[in-house]
């Protein structure tokens, strides 16, 4: 799953996100979802989440 549908993402699941500073390089950061920050049901660039570590970014892969 690619992380563009909000229904696929729940707090507590493992995901890979791209941080704002890493958007050009595409470097992914792995972690566990703490909060879902995007309100719309779909976003073409990925649903924005906050990880347990405090990092915020858009979901690119769901583990």
N, C-alpha and C. Protein backbone atom coordinates (compact mmCIF):
# COMPACT_ATOMS: atom_id res chain seq x y z
N UNK A 1 0.84 -1.19 0.00
CA UNK A 1 0.00 0.00 0.00
C UNK A 1 0.88 1.24 0.00
N UNK A 2 0.40 2.26 -0.65
CA UNK A 2 1.24 3.44 -0.87
C UNK A 2 0.98 4.60 0.08
N UNK A 3 -0.02 4.53 0.95
CA UNK A 3 -0.22 5.57 1.95
C UNK A 3 -0.98 6.79 1.49
N UNK A 4 -1.71 6.69 0.37
CA UNK A 4 -2.48 7.84 -0.10
C UNK A 4 -3.93 7.82 0.40
N UNK A 5 -4.38 6.70 0.97
CA UNK A 5 -5.73 6.59 1.50
C UNK A 5 -5.71 6.60 3.02
N UNK A 6 -6.45 7.53 3.62
CA UNK A 6 -6.46 7.68 5.08
C UNK A 6 -7.00 6.43 5.77
N UNK A 7 -7.95 5.73 5.14
CA UNK A 7 -8.57 4.54 5.74
C UNK A 7 -7.56 3.41 5.96
N UNK A 8 -6.45 3.41 5.21
CA UNK A 8 -5.43 2.36 5.33
C UNK A 8 -4.49 2.58 6.52
N UNK A 9 -4.54 3.78 7.11
CA UNK A 9 -3.57 4.16 8.13
C UNK A 9 -4.26 4.28 9.49
N UNK A 10 -3.70 3.60 10.47
CA UNK A 10 -4.23 3.63 11.84
C UNK A 10 -3.06 3.89 12.79
N UNK A 11 -3.37 4.48 13.93
CA UNK A 11 -2.34 4.68 14.96
C UNK A 11 -1.80 3.32 15.39
N UNK A 12 -0.49 3.24 15.52
CA UNK A 12 0.14 2.00 15.97
C UNK A 12 0.73 1.14 14.87
N UNK A 13 0.46 1.45 13.60
CA UNK A 13 1.05 0.64 12.53
C UNK A 13 2.41 1.19 12.12
N UNK A 14 3.23 0.31 11.56
CA UNK A 14 4.57 0.69 11.09
C UNK A 14 4.48 1.23 9.67
N UNK A 15 5.12 2.37 9.44
CA UNK A 15 5.11 3.00 8.12
C UNK A 15 6.49 3.57 7.80
N UNK A 16 6.69 3.90 6.53
CA UNK A 16 7.86 4.66 6.09
C UNK A 16 7.36 5.99 5.58
N UNK A 17 7.93 7.08 6.10
CA UNK A 17 7.51 8.41 5.69
C UNK A 17 8.68 9.16 5.06
N UNK A 18 8.34 10.20 4.30
CA UNK A 18 9.37 11.11 3.81
C UNK A 18 9.18 12.43 4.56
N UNK A 19 10.25 12.88 5.22
CA UNK A 19 10.22 14.13 5.96
C UNK A 19 10.33 15.30 4.97
N UNK A 20 9.86 16.47 5.39
CA UNK A 20 9.91 17.67 4.53
C UNK A 20 11.34 17.91 4.02
N UNK A 21 12.32 17.79 4.90
CA UNK A 21 13.72 18.05 4.51
C UNK A 21 14.27 17.00 3.55
N UNK A 22 13.61 15.83 3.50
CA UNK A 22 14.08 14.73 2.65
C UNK A 22 13.29 14.58 1.35
N UNK A 23 12.39 15.52 1.06
CA UNK A 23 11.54 15.36 -0.13
C UNK A 23 12.35 15.32 -1.42
N UNK A 24 13.41 16.10 -1.51
CA UNK A 24 14.23 16.09 -2.73
C UNK A 24 14.99 14.79 -2.90
N UNK A 25 15.57 14.29 -1.80
CA UNK A 25 16.38 13.06 -1.87
C UNK A 25 15.51 11.81 -1.87
N UNK A 26 14.31 11.90 -1.27
CA UNK A 26 13.42 10.74 -1.20
C UNK A 26 13.79 9.78 -0.08
N UNK A 27 14.68 10.20 0.84
CA UNK A 27 15.08 9.35 1.97
C UNK A 27 13.87 9.07 2.85
N UNK A 28 13.65 7.79 3.19
CA UNK A 28 12.51 7.39 4.00
C UNK A 28 12.91 7.18 5.46
N UNK A 29 12.00 7.54 6.35
CA UNK A 29 12.18 7.35 7.79
C UNK A 29 11.11 6.37 8.26
N UNK A 30 11.53 5.32 8.96
CA UNK A 30 10.57 4.32 9.44
C UNK A 30 10.16 4.62 10.87
N UNK A 31 8.92 4.25 11.20
CA UNK A 31 8.46 4.44 12.56
C UNK A 31 7.02 3.98 12.73
N UNK A 32 6.48 4.22 13.92
CA UNK A 32 5.12 3.83 14.27
C UNK A 32 4.25 5.07 14.32
N UNK A 33 3.07 5.00 13.70
CA UNK A 33 2.16 6.15 13.64
C UNK A 33 1.61 6.46 15.03
N UNK A 34 1.71 7.75 15.41
CA UNK A 34 1.12 8.22 16.67
C UNK A 34 -0.17 8.97 16.36
N UNK A 35 -0.11 9.93 15.42
CA UNK A 35 -1.28 10.75 15.05
C UNK A 35 -1.38 10.85 13.54
N UNK A 36 -2.62 10.92 13.03
CA UNK A 36 -2.87 11.18 11.62
C UNK A 36 -3.22 12.66 11.50
N UNK A 37 -2.47 13.39 10.68
CA UNK A 37 -2.63 14.84 10.61
C UNK A 37 -3.46 15.30 9.41
N UNK A 38 -3.59 14.48 8.38
CA UNK A 38 -4.39 14.83 7.21
C UNK A 38 -5.84 14.48 7.48
N UNK A 39 -6.74 15.43 7.24
CA UNK A 39 -8.17 15.20 7.48
C UNK A 39 -8.90 14.60 6.28
N UNK A 40 -8.42 14.89 5.07
CA UNK A 40 -9.13 14.40 3.88
C UNK A 40 -8.94 12.89 3.72
N UNK A 41 -9.89 12.18 3.09
CA UNK A 41 -9.80 10.74 2.95
C UNK A 41 -8.71 10.26 1.99
N UNK A 42 -8.24 11.16 1.11
CA UNK A 42 -7.23 10.80 0.11
C UNK A 42 -6.30 11.99 -0.11
N UNK A 43 -5.01 11.73 -0.28
CA UNK A 43 -4.05 12.78 -0.64
C UNK A 43 -3.05 12.19 -1.61
N UNK A 44 -2.86 12.82 -2.77
CA UNK A 44 -1.99 12.23 -3.82
C UNK A 44 -0.52 12.07 -3.42
N UNK A 45 -0.04 12.88 -2.47
CA UNK A 45 1.37 12.79 -2.06
C UNK A 45 1.56 11.96 -0.80
N UNK A 46 0.49 11.43 -0.25
CA UNK A 46 0.57 10.63 0.97
C UNK A 46 -0.07 11.33 2.14
N UNK A 47 -0.63 10.54 3.04
CA UNK A 47 -1.28 11.07 4.23
C UNK A 47 -0.20 11.54 5.21
N UNK A 48 -0.36 12.74 5.77
CA UNK A 48 0.63 13.27 6.71
C UNK A 48 0.36 12.70 8.10
N UNK A 49 1.43 12.20 8.73
CA UNK A 49 1.32 11.60 10.06
C UNK A 49 2.44 12.09 10.97
N UNK A 50 2.23 11.92 12.27
CA UNK A 50 3.28 12.13 13.27
C UNK A 50 3.65 10.76 13.82
N UNK A 51 4.94 10.47 13.84
CA UNK A 51 5.41 9.19 14.38
C UNK A 51 5.60 9.29 15.89
N UNK A 52 5.76 8.13 16.54
CA UNK A 52 6.02 8.09 17.98
C UNK A 52 7.27 8.90 18.34
N UNK A 53 8.22 8.97 17.41
CA UNK A 53 9.48 9.70 17.63
C UNK A 53 9.29 11.22 17.54
N UNK A 54 8.11 11.66 17.04
CA UNK A 54 7.85 13.08 16.89
C UNK A 54 8.06 13.58 15.48
N UNK A 55 8.65 12.75 14.60
CA UNK A 55 8.86 13.15 13.21
C UNK A 55 7.52 13.26 12.49
N UNK A 56 7.40 14.27 11.61
CA UNK A 56 6.19 14.48 10.83
C UNK A 56 6.53 14.38 9.35
N UNK A 57 5.73 13.62 8.62
CA UNK A 57 5.96 13.50 7.18
C UNK A 57 4.82 12.77 6.51
N UNK A 58 4.95 12.57 5.20
CA UNK A 58 3.91 11.91 4.43
C UNK A 58 4.24 10.43 4.23
N UNK A 59 3.22 9.59 4.40
CA UNK A 59 3.41 8.15 4.30
C UNK A 59 3.67 7.75 2.85
N UNK A 60 4.75 7.01 2.63
CA UNK A 60 5.10 6.50 1.31
C UNK A 60 4.89 4.99 1.23
N UNK A 61 5.07 4.29 2.34
CA UNK A 61 4.91 2.82 2.37
C UNK A 61 4.30 2.42 3.71
N UNK A 62 3.42 1.44 3.65
CA UNK A 62 2.85 0.85 4.86
C UNK A 62 3.45 -0.55 5.01
N UNK A 63 4.07 -0.80 6.16
CA UNK A 63 4.73 -2.10 6.39
C UNK A 63 3.75 -3.20 6.73
